[in-house]
């Protein structure tokens, strides 16, 4: 029985999918201008796969897109809302109002080359603060195993580029709110930034 499996690992956040679309505020780019059409089509397929499997298991996914400003990317907002996605702004995150965090975020978001670093920062903060599962916009799900929700309080993909370079691939990961791995990762990112830009 599903209810017998529920423990500290399965909480309300488990079925929350979080994605991000960041763009330069002064020169905003819609998602359709940056990602190929096949990836945009896969967005919808992933939401359909997750929603269908959830209904079969007696669950419901809640999908979120995090953006800095809804007004500057209306087509992107419409695209996601057409898939049943709730669009939220970064200012709703508590961490977004932290002075050190804001300095680091603003540094990254100003440079189109560093926008990925800004996204890395936001994905960690959103899942750390609210829990859930982060997916890159170009990550497609074909099938989902709900045991993940029962047996783990964190999951991610391990990668090993070389024997000396390894870590967690952050294109898909999930955690309960406040998870120690994400706290440590955020601390490490802030520390590296403060060492580079004292």
N, C-alpha and C. Protein backbone atom coordinates (compact mmCIF):
# COMPACT_ATOMS: atom_id res chain seq x y z
N UNK A 1 0.81 -1.19 0.00
CA UNK A 1 0.00 0.00 0.00
C UNK A 1 0.86 1.26 0.00
N UNK A 2 0.47 2.23 -0.76
CA UNK A 2 1.26 3.46 -0.85
C UNK A 2 1.42 4.12 0.52
N UNK A 3 0.33 4.21 1.28
CA UNK A 3 0.38 4.92 2.56
C UNK A 3 1.34 4.27 3.54
N UNK A 4 1.57 2.98 3.43
CA UNK A 4 2.49 2.31 4.34
C UNK A 4 3.93 2.71 4.07
N UNK A 5 4.23 3.18 2.88
CA UNK A 5 5.59 3.57 2.53
C UNK A 5 5.91 5.00 2.97
N UNK A 6 4.90 5.79 3.24
CA UNK A 6 5.14 7.21 3.53
C UNK A 6 5.97 7.35 4.80
N UNK A 7 7.03 8.12 4.69
CA UNK A 7 7.90 8.40 5.83
C UNK A 7 8.46 9.80 5.66
N UNK A 8 9.58 10.07 6.30
CA UNK A 8 10.16 11.40 6.24
C UNK A 8 10.56 11.81 4.81
N UNK A 9 10.75 10.85 3.94
CA UNK A 9 11.22 11.19 2.60
C UNK A 9 10.11 11.65 1.68
N UNK A 10 8.91 11.16 1.87
CA UNK A 10 7.80 11.54 0.99
C UNK A 10 6.99 12.62 1.68
N UNK A 11 7.07 13.80 1.15
CA UNK A 11 6.31 14.92 1.69
C UNK A 11 5.62 15.62 0.54
N UNK A 12 4.91 16.65 0.86
CA UNK A 12 4.12 17.38 -0.13
C UNK A 12 4.95 17.88 -1.31
N UNK A 13 6.22 18.19 -1.07
CA UNK A 13 7.06 18.76 -2.13
C UNK A 13 7.42 17.76 -3.22
N UNK A 14 7.31 16.47 -2.94
CA UNK A 14 7.88 15.44 -3.82
C UNK A 14 7.39 15.53 -5.25
N UNK A 15 6.17 15.95 -5.45
CA UNK A 15 5.62 16.01 -6.80
C UNK A 15 5.64 17.42 -7.38
N UNK A 16 6.58 18.21 -6.94
CA UNK A 16 6.74 19.57 -7.47
C UNK A 16 7.91 19.58 -8.44
N UNK A 17 7.63 19.89 -9.70
CA UNK A 17 8.68 20.02 -10.71
C UNK A 17 9.02 21.50 -10.83
N UNK A 18 10.31 21.80 -10.80
CA UNK A 18 10.76 23.19 -10.90
C UNK A 18 11.68 23.33 -12.10
N UNK A 19 11.38 24.32 -12.92
CA UNK A 19 12.23 24.67 -14.06
C UNK A 19 12.50 26.16 -13.99
N UNK A 20 13.46 26.61 -14.78
CA UNK A 20 13.88 28.01 -14.75
C UNK A 20 14.06 28.52 -16.18
N UNK A 21 13.67 29.77 -16.40
CA UNK A 21 14.05 30.46 -17.63
C UNK A 21 14.57 31.83 -17.24
N UNK A 22 15.87 32.04 -17.43
CA UNK A 22 16.49 33.32 -17.13
C UNK A 22 16.94 33.98 -18.42
N UNK A 23 16.86 35.28 -18.44
CA UNK A 23 17.28 36.05 -19.60
C UNK A 23 17.77 37.40 -19.12
N UNK A 24 18.54 38.05 -19.93
CA UNK A 24 19.02 39.38 -19.61
C UNK A 24 17.83 40.34 -19.59
N UNK A 25 17.65 41.06 -18.50
CA UNK A 25 16.52 41.98 -18.33
C UNK A 25 16.54 43.07 -19.41
N UNK A 26 17.73 43.55 -19.76
CA UNK A 26 17.85 44.64 -20.73
C UNK A 26 17.68 44.19 -22.17
N UNK A 27 17.89 42.92 -22.41
CA UNK A 27 17.76 42.38 -23.76
C UNK A 27 17.13 40.98 -23.66
N UNK A 28 15.85 40.92 -23.26
CA UNK A 28 15.23 39.62 -22.97
C UNK A 28 15.08 38.73 -24.20
N UNK A 29 15.27 37.45 -23.97
CA UNK A 29 15.10 36.45 -25.03
C UNK A 29 14.02 35.46 -24.60
N UNK A 30 13.09 35.23 -25.49
CA UNK A 30 12.05 34.23 -25.25
C UNK A 30 12.68 32.84 -25.42
N UNK A 31 12.10 31.85 -24.77
CA UNK A 31 12.64 30.51 -24.84
C UNK A 31 12.66 29.97 -26.27
N UNK A 32 11.66 30.34 -27.06
CA UNK A 32 11.59 29.86 -28.45
C UNK A 32 12.71 30.43 -29.31
N UNK A 33 13.31 31.54 -28.86
CA UNK A 33 14.42 32.14 -29.60
C UNK A 33 15.76 31.48 -29.26
N UNK A 34 15.80 30.70 -28.21
CA UNK A 34 17.05 30.11 -27.75
C UNK A 34 17.09 28.58 -27.86
N UNK A 35 15.93 27.93 -27.76
CA UNK A 35 15.90 26.46 -27.81
C UNK A 35 15.22 25.99 -29.08
N UNK A 36 15.70 24.90 -29.68
CA UNK A 36 15.07 24.38 -30.90
C UNK A 36 13.65 23.88 -30.65
N UNK A 37 12.85 23.86 -31.69
CA UNK A 37 11.45 23.47 -31.59
C UNK A 37 11.28 22.05 -31.02
N UNK A 38 12.17 21.12 -31.37
CA UNK A 38 12.02 19.75 -30.86
C UNK A 38 12.15 19.71 -29.34
N UNK A 39 13.00 20.54 -28.78
CA UNK A 39 13.13 20.60 -27.31
C UNK A 39 11.87 21.22 -26.71
N UNK A 40 11.34 22.24 -27.35
CA UNK A 40 10.10 22.85 -26.86
C UNK A 40 8.96 21.84 -26.91
N UNK A 41 8.91 21.01 -27.95
CA UNK A 41 7.90 19.95 -28.02
C UNK A 41 8.08 18.94 -26.90
N UNK A 42 9.34 18.63 -26.58
CA UNK A 42 9.62 17.67 -25.52
C UNK A 42 9.19 18.17 -24.15
N UNK A 43 9.18 19.50 -23.96
CA UNK A 43 8.66 20.06 -22.71
C UNK A 43 7.25 19.54 -22.46
N UNK A 44 6.41 19.69 -23.47
CA UNK A 44 5.02 19.25 -23.35
C UNK A 44 4.92 17.75 -23.15
N UNK A 45 5.75 16.98 -23.84
CA UNK A 45 5.72 15.52 -23.69
C UNK A 45 6.08 15.10 -22.27
N UNK A 46 7.09 15.76 -21.71
CA UNK A 46 7.49 15.43 -20.34
C UNK A 46 6.36 15.70 -19.36
N UNK A 47 5.72 16.86 -19.49
CA UNK A 47 4.59 17.16 -18.60
C UNK A 47 3.48 16.13 -18.77
N UNK A 48 3.20 15.71 -20.00
CA UNK A 48 2.16 14.71 -20.25
C UNK A 48 2.51 13.37 -19.62
N UNK A 49 3.76 12.94 -19.79
CA UNK A 49 4.20 11.66 -19.21
C UNK A 49 4.06 11.68 -17.69
N UNK A 50 4.54 12.75 -17.08
CA UNK A 50 4.47 12.84 -15.62
C UNK A 50 3.03 12.90 -15.13
N UNK A 51 2.21 13.71 -15.77
CA UNK A 51 0.81 13.85 -15.33
C UNK A 51 0.03 12.55 -15.52
N UNK A 52 0.25 11.87 -16.62
CA UNK A 52 -0.45 10.61 -16.88
C UNK A 52 -0.03 9.54 -15.87
N UNK A 53 1.27 9.42 -15.64
CA UNK A 53 1.74 8.41 -14.69
C UNK A 53 1.27 8.74 -13.27
N UNK A 54 1.21 10.02 -12.94
CA UNK A 54 0.75 10.41 -11.61
C UNK A 54 -0.71 10.01 -11.39
N UNK A 55 -1.54 10.24 -12.38
CA UNK A 55 -2.95 9.84 -12.27
C UNK A 55 -3.07 8.33 -12.06
N UNK A 56 -2.26 7.56 -12.76
CA UNK A 56 -2.29 6.11 -12.62
C UNK A 56 -1.86 5.66 -11.23
N UNK A 57 -0.99 6.43 -10.60
CA UNK A 57 -0.48 6.09 -9.26
C UNK A 57 -1.27 6.77 -8.14
N UNK A 58 -2.20 7.63 -8.52
CA UNK A 58 -2.99 8.34 -7.51
C UNK A 58 -2.32 9.61 -7.00
N UNK A 59 -1.44 10.19 -7.79
CA UNK A 59 -0.74 11.41 -7.42
C UNK A 59 -1.11 12.54 -8.36
N UNK A 60 -0.54 13.71 -8.07
CA UNK A 60 -0.70 14.86 -8.96
C UNK A 60 0.60 15.66 -8.92
N UNK A 61 1.14 15.94 -10.09
CA UNK A 61 2.32 16.79 -10.18
C UNK A 61 1.88 18.25 -10.18
N UNK A 62 2.71 19.10 -9.59
CA UNK A 62 2.54 20.54 -9.68
C UNK A 62 3.80 21.06 -10.37
N UNK A 63 3.63 21.72 -11.49
CA UNK A 63 4.76 22.18 -12.30
C UNK A 63 4.95 23.68 -12.12
N UNK A 64 6.21 24.08 -11.92
CA UNK A 64 6.55 25.49 -11.74
C UNK A 64 7.63 25.90 -12.74
N UNK A 65 7.53 27.14 -13.18
CA UNK A 65 8.61 27.79 -13.93
C UNK A 65 8.99 29.02 -13.14
N UNK A 66 10.28 29.17 -12.88
CA UNK A 66 10.79 30.34 -12.17
C UNK A 66 11.43 31.30 -13.17
N UNK A 67 11.01 32.55 -13.12
CA UNK A 67 11.54 33.60 -14.00
C UNK A 67 11.83 34.84 -13.16
N UNK A 68 12.65 35.72 -13.70
CA UNK A 68 12.91 36.96 -12.96
C UNK A 68 11.77 37.95 -13.10
N UNK A 69 11.22 38.05 -14.31
CA UNK A 69 10.17 39.03 -14.55
C UNK A 69 9.22 38.49 -15.62
N UNK A 70 7.99 38.23 -15.26
CA UNK A 70 7.01 37.65 -16.18
C UNK A 70 6.70 38.58 -17.36
N UNK A 71 6.78 39.88 -17.12
CA UNK A 71 6.36 40.86 -18.12
C UNK A 71 7.24 40.90 -19.36
N UNK A 72 8.51 40.54 -19.21
CA UNK A 72 9.44 40.72 -20.33
C UNK A 72 9.52 39.52 -21.27
N UNK A 73 8.88 38.41 -20.90
CA UNK A 73 8.91 37.20 -21.74
C UNK A 73 7.50 36.60 -21.87
N UNK A 74 6.57 37.36 -22.42
CA UNK A 74 5.18 36.91 -22.45
C UNK A 74 4.95 35.61 -23.23
N UNK A 75 5.70 35.39 -24.31
CA UNK A 75 5.51 34.16 -25.08
C UNK A 75 5.98 32.93 -24.31
N UNK A 76 7.06 33.09 -23.57
CA UNK A 76 7.56 31.99 -22.74
C UNK A 76 6.55 31.66 -21.65
N UNK A 77 6.00 32.68 -21.03
CA UNK A 77 5.00 32.49 -19.98
C UNK A 77 3.80 31.74 -20.54
N UNK A 78 3.30 32.18 -21.69
CA UNK A 78 2.14 31.53 -22.32
C UNK A 78 2.44 30.08 -22.67
N UNK A 79 3.62 29.81 -23.22
CA UNK A 79 4.00 28.45 -23.58
C UNK A 79 3.90 27.52 -22.37
N UNK A 80 4.48 27.93 -21.25
CA UNK A 80 4.46 27.09 -20.06
C UNK A 80 3.06 27.00 -19.45
N UNK A 81 2.36 28.12 -19.40
CA UNK A 81 1.01 28.10 -18.84
C UNK A 81 0.08 27.20 -19.65
N UNK A 82 0.30 27.12 -20.96
CA UNK A 82 -0.49 26.22 -21.79
C UNK A 82 -0.27 24.75 -21.43
N UNK A 83 0.82 24.47 -20.75
CA UNK A 83 1.09 23.11 -20.26
C UNK A 83 0.68 22.94 -18.80
N UNK A 84 -0.03 23.92 -18.26
CA UNK A 84 -0.50 23.83 -16.88
C UNK A 84 0.55 24.20 -15.85
N UNK A 85 1.58 24.91 -16.27
CA UNK A 85 2.68 25.28 -15.38
C UNK A 85 2.35 26.58 -14.66
N UNK A 86 2.65 26.62 -13.37
CA UNK A 86 2.51 27.83 -12.56
C UNK A 86 3.80 28.62 -12.70
N UNK A 87 3.70 29.87 -13.10
CA UNK A 87 4.89 30.70 -13.29
C UNK A 87 5.07 31.59 -12.06
N UNK A 88 6.27 31.52 -11.49
CA UNK A 88 6.58 32.31 -10.29
C UNK A 88 7.81 33.15 -10.56
N UNK A 89 7.90 34.25 -9.83
CA UNK A 89 9.04 35.15 -9.99
C UNK A 89 10.06 34.93 -8.88
N UNK A 90 11.31 35.14 -9.21
CA UNK A 90 12.41 34.90 -8.27
C UNK A 90 12.26 35.68 -6.98
N UNK A 91 11.65 36.85 -7.05
CA UNK A 91 11.50 37.68 -5.85
C UNK A 91 10.65 36.99 -4.78
N UNK A 92 9.95 35.92 -5.15
CA UNK A 92 9.16 35.15 -4.18
C UNK A 92 10.04 34.24 -3.32
N UNK A 93 11.28 34.03 -3.73
CA UNK A 93 12.21 33.20 -2.95
C UNK A 93 12.87 34.04 -1.86
N UNK A 94 12.92 33.52 -0.65
CA UNK A 94 13.55 34.25 0.46
C UNK A 94 15.02 34.54 0.18
N UNK A 95 15.73 33.55 -0.34
CA UNK A 95 17.15 33.74 -0.62
C UNK A 95 17.39 34.89 -1.59
N UNK A 96 16.46 35.15 -2.45
CA UNK A 96 16.63 36.18 -3.47
C UNK A 96 16.81 37.57 -2.85
N UNK A 97 16.42 37.72 -1.60
CA UNK A 97 16.52 39.02 -0.92
C UNK A 97 17.76 39.13 -0.05
N UNK A 98 18.56 38.08 -0.01
CA UNK A 98 19.81 38.09 0.75
C UNK A 98 20.85 38.92 -0.02
N UNK A 99 21.53 39.82 0.67
CA UNK A 99 22.46 40.74 0.01
C UNK A 99 23.60 40.02 -0.70
N UNK A 100 24.21 39.04 -0.05
CA UNK A 100 25.33 38.31 -0.67
C UNK A 100 24.84 37.50 -1.87
N UNK A 101 23.72 36.86 -1.70
CA UNK A 101 23.15 36.07 -2.80
C UNK A 101 22.84 36.99 -3.98
N UNK A 102 22.25 38.14 -3.70
CA UNK A 102 21.85 39.09 -4.74
C UNK A 102 23.08 39.59 -5.51
N UNK A 103 24.15 39.85 -4.79
CA UNK A 103 25.40 40.31 -5.44
C UNK A 103 25.91 39.25 -6.42
N UNK A 104 25.91 38.02 -5.98
CA UNK A 104 26.39 36.93 -6.83
C UNK A 104 25.46 36.73 -8.03
N UNK A 105 24.17 36.73 -7.77
CA UNK A 105 23.19 36.54 -8.85
C UNK A 105 23.31 37.66 -9.88
N UNK A 106 23.37 38.90 -9.42
CA UNK A 106 23.45 40.05 -10.34
C UNK A 106 24.73 40.01 -11.18
N UNK A 107 25.81 39.57 -10.55
CA UNK A 107 27.06 39.44 -11.31
C UNK A 107 26.87 38.46 -12.47
N UNK A 108 26.26 37.31 -12.20
CA UNK A 108 26.06 36.29 -13.23
C UNK A 108 25.06 36.73 -14.29
N UNK A 109 23.97 37.31 -13.88
CA UNK A 109 22.87 37.61 -14.81
C UNK A 109 23.25 38.74 -15.78
N UNK A 110 24.19 39.59 -15.39
CA UNK A 110 24.62 40.71 -16.25
C UNK A 110 25.36 40.22 -17.49
N UNK A 111 26.00 39.08 -17.36
CA UNK A 111 26.86 38.56 -18.43
C UNK A 111 26.16 37.39 -19.11
N UNK A 112 25.86 37.53 -20.39
CA UNK A 112 25.13 36.49 -21.11
C UNK A 112 25.88 35.16 -21.04
N UNK A 113 27.21 35.21 -20.94
CA UNK A 113 28.01 33.99 -20.84
C UNK A 113 27.87 33.32 -19.47
N UNK A 114 27.50 34.10 -18.46
CA UNK A 114 27.41 33.56 -17.10
C UNK A 114 25.97 33.28 -16.68
N UNK A 115 25.03 33.42 -17.60
CA UNK A 115 23.63 33.22 -17.25
C UNK A 115 23.36 31.79 -16.77
N UNK A 116 24.15 30.85 -17.26
CA UNK A 116 24.02 29.45 -16.81
C UNK A 116 24.39 29.35 -15.33
N UNK A 117 25.40 30.10 -14.90
CA UNK A 117 25.78 30.11 -13.49
C UNK A 117 24.65 30.70 -12.64
N UNK A 118 23.98 31.72 -13.16
CA UNK A 118 22.82 32.29 -12.45
C UNK A 118 21.73 31.24 -12.32
N UNK A 119 21.51 30.48 -13.38
CA UNK A 119 20.51 29.41 -13.35
C UNK A 119 20.90 28.33 -12.34
N UNK A 120 22.19 27.97 -12.30
CA UNK A 120 22.66 26.98 -11.32
C UNK A 120 22.34 27.45 -9.90
N UNK A 121 22.58 28.71 -9.66
CA UNK A 121 22.33 29.28 -8.34
C UNK A 121 20.84 29.23 -7.99
N UNK A 122 19.99 29.63 -8.92
CA UNK A 122 18.55 29.67 -8.67
C UNK A 122 17.97 28.28 -8.48
N UNK A 123 18.39 27.31 -9.29
CA UNK A 123 17.84 25.95 -9.15
C UNK A 123 18.15 25.37 -7.78
N UNK A 124 19.35 25.63 -7.29
CA UNK A 124 19.72 25.13 -5.97
C UNK A 124 18.86 25.81 -4.90
N UNK A 125 18.74 27.11 -4.99
CA UNK A 125 17.97 27.88 -4.01
C UNK A 125 16.49 27.48 -4.01
N UNK A 126 15.89 27.34 -5.19
CA UNK A 126 14.46 27.00 -5.27
C UNK A 126 14.18 25.65 -4.64
N UNK A 127 15.02 24.66 -4.92
CA UNK A 127 14.79 23.32 -4.35
C UNK A 127 15.19 23.31 -2.87
N UNK A 128 16.25 24.00 -2.50
CA UNK A 128 16.65 24.08 -1.10
C UNK A 128 15.54 24.71 -0.26
N UNK A 129 14.98 25.79 -0.75
CA UNK A 129 13.96 26.52 0.00
C UNK A 129 12.60 25.81 0.00
N UNK A 130 12.20 25.26 -1.14
CA UNK A 130 10.84 24.74 -1.28
C UNK A 130 10.75 23.23 -1.49
N UNK A 131 11.88 22.60 -1.75
CA UNK A 131 11.88 21.17 -2.05
C UNK A 131 11.36 20.93 -3.45
N UNK A 132 11.43 19.70 -3.88
CA UNK A 132 10.92 19.34 -5.19
C UNK A 132 11.98 18.77 -6.09
N UNK A 133 11.67 18.74 -7.36
CA UNK A 133 12.55 18.15 -8.36
C UNK A 133 12.83 19.20 -9.42
N UNK A 134 14.11 19.44 -9.66
CA UNK A 134 14.51 20.39 -10.70
C UNK A 134 14.78 19.63 -11.99
N UNK A 135 14.30 20.18 -13.10
CA UNK A 135 14.58 19.65 -14.44
C UNK A 135 15.05 20.79 -15.33
N UNK A 136 16.14 20.57 -16.06
CA UNK A 136 16.51 21.51 -17.11
C UNK A 136 15.42 21.53 -18.17
N UNK A 137 15.32 22.61 -18.90
CA UNK A 137 14.30 22.72 -19.94
C UNK A 137 14.53 21.76 -21.10
N UNK A 138 15.77 21.30 -21.26
CA UNK A 138 16.04 20.34 -22.33
C UNK A 138 16.14 18.90 -21.82
N UNK A 139 15.68 18.66 -20.60
CA UNK A 139 15.64 17.31 -20.04
C UNK A 139 14.27 16.72 -20.29
N UNK A 140 14.24 15.55 -20.87
CA UNK A 140 12.97 14.89 -21.17
C UNK A 140 12.81 13.66 -20.29
N UNK A 141 11.61 13.46 -19.79
CA UNK A 141 11.26 12.28 -18.98
C UNK A 141 10.35 11.40 -19.82
N UNK A 142 10.70 10.12 -19.92
CA UNK A 142 9.85 9.17 -20.65
C UNK A 142 9.05 8.29 -19.70
N UNK A 143 9.60 8.11 -18.50
CA UNK A 143 8.94 7.27 -17.49
C UNK A 143 9.44 7.71 -16.13
N UNK A 144 8.59 7.60 -15.12
CA UNK A 144 8.99 8.03 -13.78
C UNK A 144 8.77 6.89 -12.80
N UNK A 145 9.73 6.71 -11.90
CA UNK A 145 9.64 5.69 -10.86
C UNK A 145 9.29 6.38 -9.54
N UNK A 146 8.11 6.13 -9.04
CA UNK A 146 7.65 6.81 -7.83
C UNK A 146 8.32 6.30 -6.56
N UNK A 147 9.06 5.22 -6.64
CA UNK A 147 9.80 4.75 -5.47
C UNK A 147 10.81 5.80 -5.00
N UNK A 148 11.28 6.62 -5.93
CA UNK A 148 12.21 7.70 -5.58
C UNK A 148 11.62 8.55 -4.46
N UNK A 149 10.33 8.79 -4.50
CA UNK A 149 9.68 9.64 -3.51
C UNK A 149 9.62 8.99 -2.13
N UNK A 150 9.64 7.67 -2.11
CA UNK A 150 9.51 6.94 -0.85
C UNK A 150 10.83 6.67 -0.16
N UNK A 151 11.86 6.45 -0.93
CA UNK A 151 13.09 5.93 -0.35
C UNK A 151 14.22 6.93 -0.23
N UNK A 152 14.08 8.10 -0.81
CA UNK A 152 15.19 9.06 -0.80
C UNK A 152 14.72 10.44 -0.37
N UNK A 153 15.61 11.17 0.31
CA UNK A 153 15.34 12.58 0.59
C UNK A 153 16.16 13.48 -0.33
N UNK A 154 17.02 12.86 -1.14
CA UNK A 154 17.79 13.56 -2.17
C UNK A 154 18.10 12.56 -3.28
N UNK A 155 18.06 13.02 -4.52
CA UNK A 155 18.59 12.20 -5.61
C UNK A 155 19.18 13.12 -6.66
N UNK A 156 20.13 12.62 -7.38
CA UNK A 156 20.75 13.36 -8.46
C UNK A 156 21.50 12.40 -9.35
N UNK A 157 22.01 12.92 -10.43
CA UNK A 157 22.80 12.11 -11.36
C UNK A 157 24.27 12.34 -11.06
N UNK A 158 24.99 11.25 -10.94
CA UNK A 158 26.43 11.32 -10.74
C UNK A 158 27.11 11.40 -12.09
N UNK A 159 28.13 12.21 -12.19
CA UNK A 159 28.90 12.21 -13.43
C UNK A 159 30.38 12.17 -13.12
N UNK A 160 31.11 11.58 -14.02
CA UNK A 160 32.56 11.49 -13.88
C UNK A 160 33.17 11.79 -15.24
N UNK A 161 33.75 12.95 -15.37
CA UNK A 161 34.37 13.35 -16.62
C UNK A 161 35.75 12.71 -16.74
N UNK A 162 36.52 12.87 -15.70
CA UNK A 162 37.85 12.26 -15.59
C UNK A 162 37.95 11.67 -14.19
N UNK A 163 39.00 10.95 -13.93
CA UNK A 163 39.15 10.40 -12.58
C UNK A 163 39.17 11.50 -11.53
N UNK A 164 39.65 12.66 -11.91
CA UNK A 164 39.77 13.76 -10.95
C UNK A 164 38.60 14.73 -10.98
N UNK A 165 37.74 14.62 -11.98
CA UNK A 165 36.58 15.52 -12.08
C UNK A 165 35.31 14.69 -12.00
N UNK A 166 34.59 14.89 -10.91
CA UNK A 166 33.35 14.16 -10.72
C UNK A 166 32.42 14.99 -9.84
N UNK A 167 31.16 14.65 -9.85
CA UNK A 167 30.22 15.41 -9.03
C UNK A 167 28.79 15.05 -9.36
N UNK A 168 27.90 15.96 -9.02
CA UNK A 168 26.48 15.76 -9.27
C UNK A 168 26.08 16.61 -10.48
N UNK A 169 25.48 15.97 -11.45
CA UNK A 169 24.96 16.68 -12.61
C UNK A 169 23.68 17.38 -12.16
N UNK A 170 23.61 18.68 -12.34
CA UNK A 170 22.44 19.40 -11.82
C UNK A 170 21.37 19.65 -12.88
N UNK A 171 21.33 18.84 -13.93
CA UNK A 171 20.25 18.99 -14.92
C UNK A 171 18.95 18.36 -14.42
N UNK A 172 19.07 17.42 -13.49
CA UNK A 172 17.90 16.84 -12.82
C UNK A 172 18.35 16.40 -11.43
N UNK A 173 17.66 16.90 -10.42
CA UNK A 173 17.90 16.48 -9.04
C UNK A 173 16.67 16.80 -8.22
N UNK A 174 16.56 16.15 -7.10
CA UNK A 174 15.42 16.40 -6.22
C UNK A 174 15.84 16.30 -4.77
N UNK A 175 15.13 17.02 -3.92
CA UNK A 175 15.45 17.00 -2.50
C UNK A 175 14.28 17.53 -1.69
N UNK A 176 14.28 17.14 -0.43
CA UNK A 176 13.32 17.74 0.48
C UNK A 176 13.84 19.14 0.84
N UNK A 177 12.97 20.03 1.29
CA UNK A 177 13.42 21.39 1.64
C UNK A 177 14.53 21.34 2.70
N UNK A 178 15.51 22.22 2.56
CA UNK A 178 16.57 22.34 3.54
C UNK A 178 17.59 21.22 3.53
N UNK A 179 17.66 20.45 2.47
CA UNK A 179 18.56 19.29 2.45
C UNK A 179 20.02 19.72 2.58
N UNK A 180 20.77 18.98 3.39
CA UNK A 180 22.15 19.32 3.70
C UNK A 180 23.04 19.36 2.45
N UNK A 181 22.80 18.49 1.50
CA UNK A 181 23.62 18.49 0.28
C UNK A 181 23.47 19.82 -0.46
N UNK A 182 22.25 20.32 -0.56
CA UNK A 182 22.03 21.60 -1.25
C UNK A 182 22.57 22.77 -0.43
N UNK A 183 22.46 22.68 0.89
CA UNK A 183 23.04 23.73 1.75
C UNK A 183 24.54 23.81 1.53
N UNK A 184 25.18 22.65 1.51
CA UNK A 184 26.64 22.60 1.30
C UNK A 184 27.01 23.10 -0.09
N UNK A 185 26.24 22.72 -1.08
CA UNK A 185 26.51 23.15 -2.45
C UNK A 185 26.37 24.67 -2.58
N UNK A 186 25.33 25.23 -2.00
CA UNK A 186 25.14 26.68 -2.04
C UNK A 186 26.28 27.39 -1.30
N UNK A 187 26.66 26.85 -0.15
CA UNK A 187 27.78 27.41 0.61
C UNK A 187 29.06 27.40 -0.24
N UNK A 188 29.31 26.28 -0.90
CA UNK A 188 30.50 26.14 -1.73
C UNK A 188 30.48 27.14 -2.89
N UNK A 189 29.33 27.30 -3.52
CA UNK A 189 29.22 28.26 -4.63
C UNK A 189 29.46 29.69 -4.15
N UNK A 190 28.91 30.03 -2.99
CA UNK A 190 29.09 31.37 -2.43
C UNK A 190 30.55 31.60 -2.04
N UNK A 191 31.17 30.57 -1.47
CA UNK A 191 32.57 30.67 -1.06
C UNK A 191 33.47 30.87 -2.28
N UNK A 192 33.27 30.09 -3.31
CA UNK A 192 34.06 30.22 -4.55
C UNK A 192 33.88 31.63 -5.15
N UNK A 193 32.66 32.13 -5.13
CA UNK A 193 32.40 33.46 -5.67
C UNK A 193 33.12 34.52 -4.84
N UNK A 194 33.03 34.42 -3.51
CA UNK A 194 33.66 35.43 -2.64
C UNK A 194 35.18 35.38 -2.76
N UNK A 195 35.74 34.21 -3.06
CA UNK A 195 37.19 34.12 -3.26
C UNK A 195 37.61 34.75 -4.59
N UNK A 196 36.78 34.61 -5.60
CA UNK A 196 37.10 35.18 -6.91
C UNK A 196 36.82 36.68 -6.95
N UNK A 197 35.80 37.11 -6.22
CA UNK A 197 35.37 38.51 -6.25
C UNK A 197 35.17 39.03 -4.83
N UNK A 198 36.28 39.24 -4.10
CA UNK A 198 36.17 39.65 -2.68
C UNK A 198 35.53 41.01 -2.48
